[in-house]
Amino acid sequence: RDCRDVICSMRNLQVSENNSWLKKWGIPIVNYWIEKLQEFRSEFGSDIKLVKDSKNYDLAIASLYWKYKNASFFKYEQLKYPIIKIKYEDLVNNPKQTIESICTFLNIDWDDSLMVHHKHDHVETDSNGLTVGMTNVKNQISKQRVGIYKTELTKEEESDILKISGDLLMKMGYVI
């Protein structure tokens, strides 16, 4: 998923009355990586400096979170792991075609129930029907949040995000 949209979701998702997902989880996790993981500091040292120098610290650190999580795709690819790249935007714009490609990759048969996942029970949810990432599995596949950054981010905020994750975003096939 485009990091700019992901970061808007991180900032907007309220996990408690006074806390967004970004403040409660994202920032503390990245700060932990910076403080405790030498490999992380070595790999992302220049990005860490950009975060520290950013006028939009929260968004910059969210950008680093996204970059770290998504860079793993290319590491796995280099290691020749069996992996398939699925862009969120492809999933929501062409769900049947994208899910069929996943089934083919996994060598499993297509089942029409995959297109109505929101009508099925899911064991990985809490009592409110939410996953750990606060996704409501009762919602249908929707493209409603694609491109939301265009109305939610200022040009300066977007620029700070792209200074950190723009290179990986382009490598993943996004236009910036």
C-alpha atoms as a PDB file:
ATOM      1  CA  ARG A   1       0.000   0.000   0.000  1.00  0.00           C
ATOM      2  CA  ASP A   2       1.243   3.469  -0.796  1.00  0.00           C
ATOM      3  CA  CYS A   3       3.153   4.641   2.270  1.00  0.00           C
ATOM      4  CA  ARG A   4       1.418   8.008   2.208  1.00  0.00           C
ATOM      5  CA  ASP A   5      -1.984   6.350   2.627  1.00  0.00           C
ATOM      6  CA  VAL A   6      -0.619   3.964   5.265  1.00  0.00           C
ATOM      7  CA  ILE A   7       0.781   6.867   7.260  1.00  0.00           C
ATOM      8  CA  CYS A   8      -2.542   8.705   7.129  1.00  0.00           C
ATOM      9  CA  SER A   9      -4.169   5.551   8.504  1.00  0.00           C
ATOM     10  CA  MET A  10      -1.541   5.272  11.242  1.00  0.00           C
ATOM     11  CA  ARG A  11      -2.222   8.856  12.249  1.00  0.00           C
ATOM     12  CA  ASN A  12      -6.029   8.650  11.987  1.00  0.00           C
ATOM     13  CA  LEU A  13      -6.647   5.290  13.644  1.00  0.00           C
ATOM     14  CA  GLN A  14      -7.638   5.967  17.239  1.00  0.00           C
ATOM     15  CA  VAL A  15      -6.763   3.088  19.558  1.00  0.00           C
ATOM     16  CA  SER A  16      -7.870   4.936  22.680  1.00  0.00           C
ATOM     17  CA  GLU A  17      -9.485   8.245  23.516  1.00  0.00           C
ATOM     18  CA  ASN A  18      -6.225  10.200  23.352  1.00  0.00           C
ATOM     19  CA  ASN A  19      -4.005   7.964  21.243  1.00  0.00           C
ATOM     20  CA  SER A  20      -3.624   7.231  17.563  1.00  0.00           C
ATOM     21  CA  TRP A  21      -2.074   3.951  16.417  1.00  0.00           C
ATOM     22  CA  LEU A  22       1.005   5.915  15.429  1.00  0.00           C
ATOM     23  CA  LYS A  23       1.528   7.446  18.873  1.00  0.00           C
ATOM     24  CA  LYS A  24       0.695   4.291  20.850  1.00  0.00           C
ATOM     25  CA  TRP A  25       2.502   1.712  18.715  1.00  0.00           C
ATOM     26  CA  GLY A  26       4.375   3.097  15.692  1.00  0.00           C
ATOM     27  CA  ILE A  27       6.612   5.674  17.346  1.00  0.00           C
ATOM     28  CA  PRO A  28       7.545   3.501  20.366  1.00  0.00           C
ATOM     29  CA  ILE A  29       8.325   0.530  18.087  1.00  0.00           C
ATOM     30  CA  VAL A  30      10.650   2.526  15.820  1.00  0.00           C
ATOM     31  CA  ASN A  31      12.322   4.147  18.821  1.00  0.00           C
ATOM     32  CA  TYR A  32      12.912   0.662  20.237  1.00  0.00           C
ATOM     33  CA  TRP A  33      14.495  -0.443  16.938  1.00  0.00           C
ATOM     34  CA  ILE A  34      16.720   2.647  16.942  1.00  0.00           C
ATOM     35  CA  GLU A  35      17.817   2.171  20.560  1.00  0.00           C
ATOM     36  CA  LYS A  36      18.211  -1.614  20.659  1.00  0.00           C
ATOM     37  CA  LEU A  37      18.922  -2.965  17.171  1.00  0.00           C
ATOM     38  CA  GLN A  38      22.381  -2.269  15.771  1.00  0.00           C
ATOM     39  CA  GLU A  39      21.445  -3.887  12.443  1.00  0.00           C
ATOM     40  CA  PHE A  40      18.510  -1.480  12.101  1.00  0.00           C
ATOM     41  CA  ARG A  41      20.727   1.527  12.892  1.00  0.00           C
ATOM     42  CA  SER A  42      23.310   0.357  10.360  1.00  0.00           C
ATOM     43  CA  GLU A  43      20.816  -0.244   7.577  1.00  0.00           C
ATOM     44  CA  PHE A  44      18.694   2.854   8.141  1.00  0.00           C
ATOM     45  CA  GLY A  45      21.216   5.303   9.613  1.00  0.00           C
ATOM     46  CA  SER A  46      20.706   8.002   6.986  1.00  0.00           C
ATOM     47  CA  ASP A  47      16.921   7.656   7.328  1.00  0.00           C
ATOM     48  CA  ILE A  48      17.168   7.921  11.122  1.00  0.00           C
ATOM     49  CA  LYS A  49      19.028  11.210  10.660  1.00  0.00           C
ATOM     50  CA  LEU A  50      16.259  12.447   8.333  1.00  0.00           C
ATOM     51  CA  VAL A  51      13.669  11.522  10.982  1.00  0.00           C
ATOM     52  CA  LYS A  52      15.541  13.429  13.666  1.00  0.00           C
ATOM     53  CA  ASP A  53      15.893  16.495  11.404  1.00  0.00           C
ATOM     54  CA  SER A  54      12.274  16.435  10.184  1.00  0.00           C
ATOM     55  CA  LYS A  55       9.796  19.190  11.063  1.00  0.00           C
ATOM     56  CA  ASN A  56       7.153  16.439  10.910  1.00  0.00           C
ATOM     57  CA  TYR A  57       8.745  13.946  13.304  1.00  0.00           C
ATOM     58  CA  ASP A  58       5.674  11.722  13.767  1.00  0.00           C
ATOM     59  CA  LEU A  59       5.137  11.336  10.023  1.00  0.00           C
ATOM     60  CA  ALA A  60       8.835  10.849   9.350  1.00  0.00           C
ATOM     61  CA  ILE A  61       9.069   8.074  11.930  1.00  0.00           C
ATOM     62  CA  ALA A  62       5.927   6.494  10.442  1.00  0.00           C
ATOM     63  CA  SER A  63       7.630   6.606   7.059  1.00  0.00           C
ATOM     64  CA  LEU A  64      10.631   4.772   8.489  1.00  0.00           C
ATOM     65  CA  TYR A  65       8.302   2.178  10.038  1.00  0.00           C
ATOM     66  CA  TRP A  66       6.687   1.595   6.619  1.00  0.00           C
ATOM     67  CA  LYS A  67      10.052   1.444   4.869  1.00  0.00           C
ATOM     68  CA  TYR A  68      11.468  -1.122   7.278  1.00  0.00           C
ATOM     69  CA  LYS A  69       8.394  -3.351   7.037  1.00  0.00           C
ATOM     70  CA  ASN A  70       8.239  -3.205   3.244  1.00  0.00           C
ATOM     71  CA  ALA A  71      11.970  -3.514   2.519  1.00  0.00           C
ATOM     72  CA  SER A  72      11.692  -7.095   3.705  1.00  0.00           C
ATOM     73  CA  PHE A  73       9.943  -8.020   0.448  1.00  0.00           C
ATOM     74  CA  PHE A  74      13.137  -7.419  -1.510  1.00  0.00           C
ATOM     75  CA  LYS A  75      15.253  -9.255   1.061  1.00  0.00           C
ATOM     76  CA  TYR A  76      12.978 -12.275   0.811  1.00  0.00           C
ATOM     77  CA  GLU A  77      13.065 -12.045  -2.968  1.00  0.00           C
ATOM     78  CA  GLN A  78      16.895 -12.002  -2.915  1.00  0.00           C
ATOM     79  CA  LEU A  79      16.876 -15.062  -0.680  1.00  0.00           C
ATOM     80  CA  LYS A  80      14.666 -16.787  -3.272  1.00  0.00           C
ATOM     81  CA  TYR A  81      11.826 -17.253  -0.803  1.00  0.00           C
ATOM     82  CA  PRO A  82       8.535 -18.146  -2.460  1.00  0.00           C
ATOM     83  CA  ILE A  83       6.869 -14.733  -2.281  1.00  0.00           C
ATOM     84  CA  ILE A  84       4.315 -12.788  -4.265  1.00  0.00           C
ATOM     85  CA  LYS A  85       3.996  -9.012  -4.325  1.00  0.00           C
ATOM     86  CA  ILE A  86       0.417  -7.843  -3.953  1.00  0.00           C
ATOM     87  CA  LYS A  87      -0.261  -4.141  -4.048  1.00  0.00           C
ATOM     88  CA  TYR A  88      -3.213  -3.068  -1.922  1.00  0.00           C
ATOM     89  CA  GLU A  89      -4.401  -0.832  -4.730  1.00  0.00           C
ATOM     90  CA  ASP A  90      -4.512  -3.800  -7.122  1.00  0.00           C
ATOM     91  CA  LEU A  91      -6.475  -5.796  -4.559  1.00  0.00           C
ATOM     92  CA  VAL A  92      -9.147  -3.140  -4.062  1.00  0.00           C
ATOM     93  CA  ASN A  93      -9.349  -2.131  -7.737  1.00  0.00           C
ATOM     94  CA  ASN A  94      -9.339  -5.685  -9.159  1.00  0.00           C
ATOM     95  CA  PRO A  95     -10.168  -7.978  -6.236  1.00  0.00           C
ATOM     96  CA  LYS A  96     -11.153 -11.102  -8.160  1.00  0.00           C
ATOM     97  CA  GLN A  97      -8.148 -11.011 -10.469  1.00  0.00           C
ATOM     98  CA  THR A  98      -5.754 -10.279  -7.593  1.00  0.00           C
ATOM     99  CA  ILE A  99      -7.176 -12.987  -5.321  1.00  0.00           C
ATOM    100  CA  GLU A 100      -7.094 -15.468  -8.215  1.00  0.00           C
ATOM    101  CA  SER A 101      -3.379 -14.704  -8.657  1.00  0.00           C
ATOM    102  CA  ILE A 102      -2.850 -15.409  -4.944  1.00  0.00           C
ATOM    103  CA  CYS A 103      -4.701 -18.730  -5.262  1.00  0.00           C
ATOM    104  CA  THR A 104      -2.563 -19.659  -8.263  1.00  0.00           C
ATOM    105  CA  PHE A 105       0.603 -18.736  -6.377  1.00  0.00           C
ATOM    106  CA  LEU A 106      -0.488 -20.830  -3.378  1.00  0.00           C
ATOM    107  CA  ASN A 107      -1.628 -23.646  -5.657  1.00  0.00           C
ATOM    108  CA  ILE A 108      -5.109 -23.695  -4.153  1.00  0.00           C
ATOM    109  CA  ASP A 109      -8.451 -23.823  -5.891  1.00  0.00           C
ATOM    110  CA  TRP A 110     -10.557 -20.740  -6.397  1.00  0.00           C
ATOM    111  CA  ASP A 111     -13.629 -20.495  -4.190  1.00  0.00           C
ATOM    112  CA  ASP A 112     -16.330 -17.869  -4.746  1.00  0.00           C
ATOM    113  CA  SER A 113     -16.590 -17.366  -0.983  1.00  0.00           C
ATOM    114  CA  LEU A 114     -13.275 -15.499  -1.156  1.00  0.00           C
ATOM    115  CA  MET A 115     -15.152 -12.574  -2.681  1.00  0.00           C
ATOM    116  CA  VAL A 116     -17.532 -12.342   0.272  1.00  0.00           C
ATOM    117  CA  HIS A 117     -15.086 -12.698   3.172  1.00  0.00           C
ATOM    118  CA  HIS A 118     -17.013 -10.058   5.112  1.00  0.00           C
ATOM    119  CA  LYS A 119     -19.952 -12.457   5.433  1.00  0.00           C
ATOM    120  CA  HIS A 120     -17.897 -15.160   7.166  1.00  0.00           C
ATOM    121  CA  ASP A 121     -16.718 -15.578  10.733  1.00  0.00           C
ATOM    122  CA  HIS A 122     -13.040 -14.953  11.370  1.00  0.00           C
ATOM    123  CA  VAL A 123     -11.246 -16.553  14.304  1.00  0.00           C
ATOM    124  CA  GLU A 124      -8.429 -13.972  14.353  1.00  0.00           C
ATOM    125  CA  THR A 125     -10.661 -11.152  15.609  1.00  0.00           C
ATOM    126  CA  ASP A 126     -11.577  -9.800  19.016  1.00  0.00           C
ATOM    127  CA  SER A 127     -15.121  -9.604  20.379  1.00  0.00           C
ATOM    128  CA  ASN A 128     -15.742  -6.465  18.283  1.00  0.00           C
ATOM    129  CA  GLY A 129     -14.716  -8.171  15.039  1.00  0.00           C
ATOM    130  CA  LEU A 130     -11.399  -6.318  14.816  1.00  0.00           C
ATOM    131  CA  THR A 131      -7.984  -7.751  14.029  1.00  0.00           C
ATOM    132  CA  VAL A 132      -4.827  -6.828  15.938  1.00  0.00           C
ATOM    133  CA  GLY A 133      -4.263  -4.061  13.365  1.00  0.00           C
ATOM    134  CA  MET A 134      -7.774  -2.739  14.035  1.00  0.00           C
ATOM    135  CA  THR A 135      -9.123  -3.925  10.669  1.00  0.00           C
ATOM    136  CA  ASN A 136     -12.829  -4.705  10.674  1.00  0.00           C
ATOM    137  CA  VAL A 137     -13.178  -7.975   8.755  1.00  0.00           C
ATOM    138  CA  LYS A 138     -16.902  -7.336   8.326  1.00  0.00           C
ATOM    139  CA  ASN A 139     -16.117  -4.558   5.849  1.00  0.00           C
ATOM    140  CA  GLN A 140     -16.141  -5.374   2.162  1.00  0.00           C
ATOM    141  CA  ILE A 141     -13.081  -4.816   0.007  1.00  0.00           C
ATOM    142  CA  SER A 142     -13.160  -1.096  -0.734  1.00  0.00           C
ATOM    143  CA  LYS A 143     -11.032   1.447  -2.569  1.00  0.00           C
ATOM    144  CA  GLN A 144     -12.384   4.262  -0.393  1.00  0.00           C
ATOM    145  CA  ARG A 145      -9.016   5.022   1.287  1.00  0.00           C
ATOM    146  CA  VAL A 146      -6.824   4.797  -1.820  1.00  0.00           C
ATOM    147  CA  GLY A 147      -5.197   8.171  -2.422  1.00  0.00           C
ATOM    148  CA  ILE A 148      -6.521   9.665   0.816  1.00  0.00           C
ATOM    149  CA  TYR A 149      -3.143  11.292   1.402  1.00  0.00           C
ATOM    150  CA  LYS A 150      -3.937  13.788  -1.379  1.00  0.00           C
ATOM    151  CA  THR A 151      -6.465  15.490   0.871  1.00  0.00           C
ATOM    152  CA  GLU A 152      -4.942  14.716   4.269  1.00  0.00           C
ATOM    153  CA  LEU A 153      -1.268  15.631   3.867  1.00  0.00           C
ATOM    154  CA  THR A 154       0.268  19.020   3.220  1.00  0.00           C
ATOM    155  CA  LYS A 155       2.959  19.227   0.538  1.00  0.00           C
ATOM    156  CA  GLU A 156       5.567  19.653   3.286  1.00  0.00           C
ATOM    157  CA  GLU A 157       4.327  16.547   5.127  1.00  0.00           C
ATOM    158  CA  GLU A 158       4.331  14.514   1.924  1.00  0.00           C
ATOM    159  CA  SER A 159       7.831  15.745   1.119  1.00  0.00           C
ATOM    160  CA  ASP A 160       9.150  14.673   4.532  1.00  0.00           C
ATOM    161  CA  ILE A 161       7.594  11.236   4.087  1.00  0.00           C
ATOM    162  CA  LEU A 162       9.043  10.802   0.604  1.00  0.00           C
ATOM    163  CA  LYS A 163      12.549  11.866   1.689  1.00  0.00           C
ATOM    164  CA  ILE A 164      12.609   8.693   3.765  1.00  0.00           C
ATOM    165  CA  SER A 165      10.491   6.172   1.877  1.00  0.00           C
ATOM    166  CA  GLY A 166      10.222   7.592  -1.636  1.00  0.00           C
ATOM    167  CA  ASP A 167      13.051   5.429  -2.974  1.00  0.00           C
ATOM    168  CA  LEU A 168      11.379   2.216  -1.808  1.00  0.00           C
ATOM    169  CA  LEU A 169       7.951   3.420  -2.891  1.00  0.00           C
ATOM    170  CA  MET A 170       9.236   3.876  -6.450  1.00  0.00           C
ATOM    171  CA  LYS A 171      11.042   0.513  -6.337  1.00  0.00           C
ATOM    172  CA  MET A 172       7.666  -1.028  -5.494  1.00  0.00           C
ATOM    173  CA  GLY A 173       6.140   0.526  -8.607  1.00  0.00           C
ATOM    174  CA  TYR A 174       4.438   3.638  -7.234  1.00  0.00           C
ATOM    175  CA  VAL A 175       4.570   7.032  -8.887  1.00  0.00           C
ATOM    176  CA  ILE A 176       5.698   9.961  -6.764  1.00  0.00           C
END
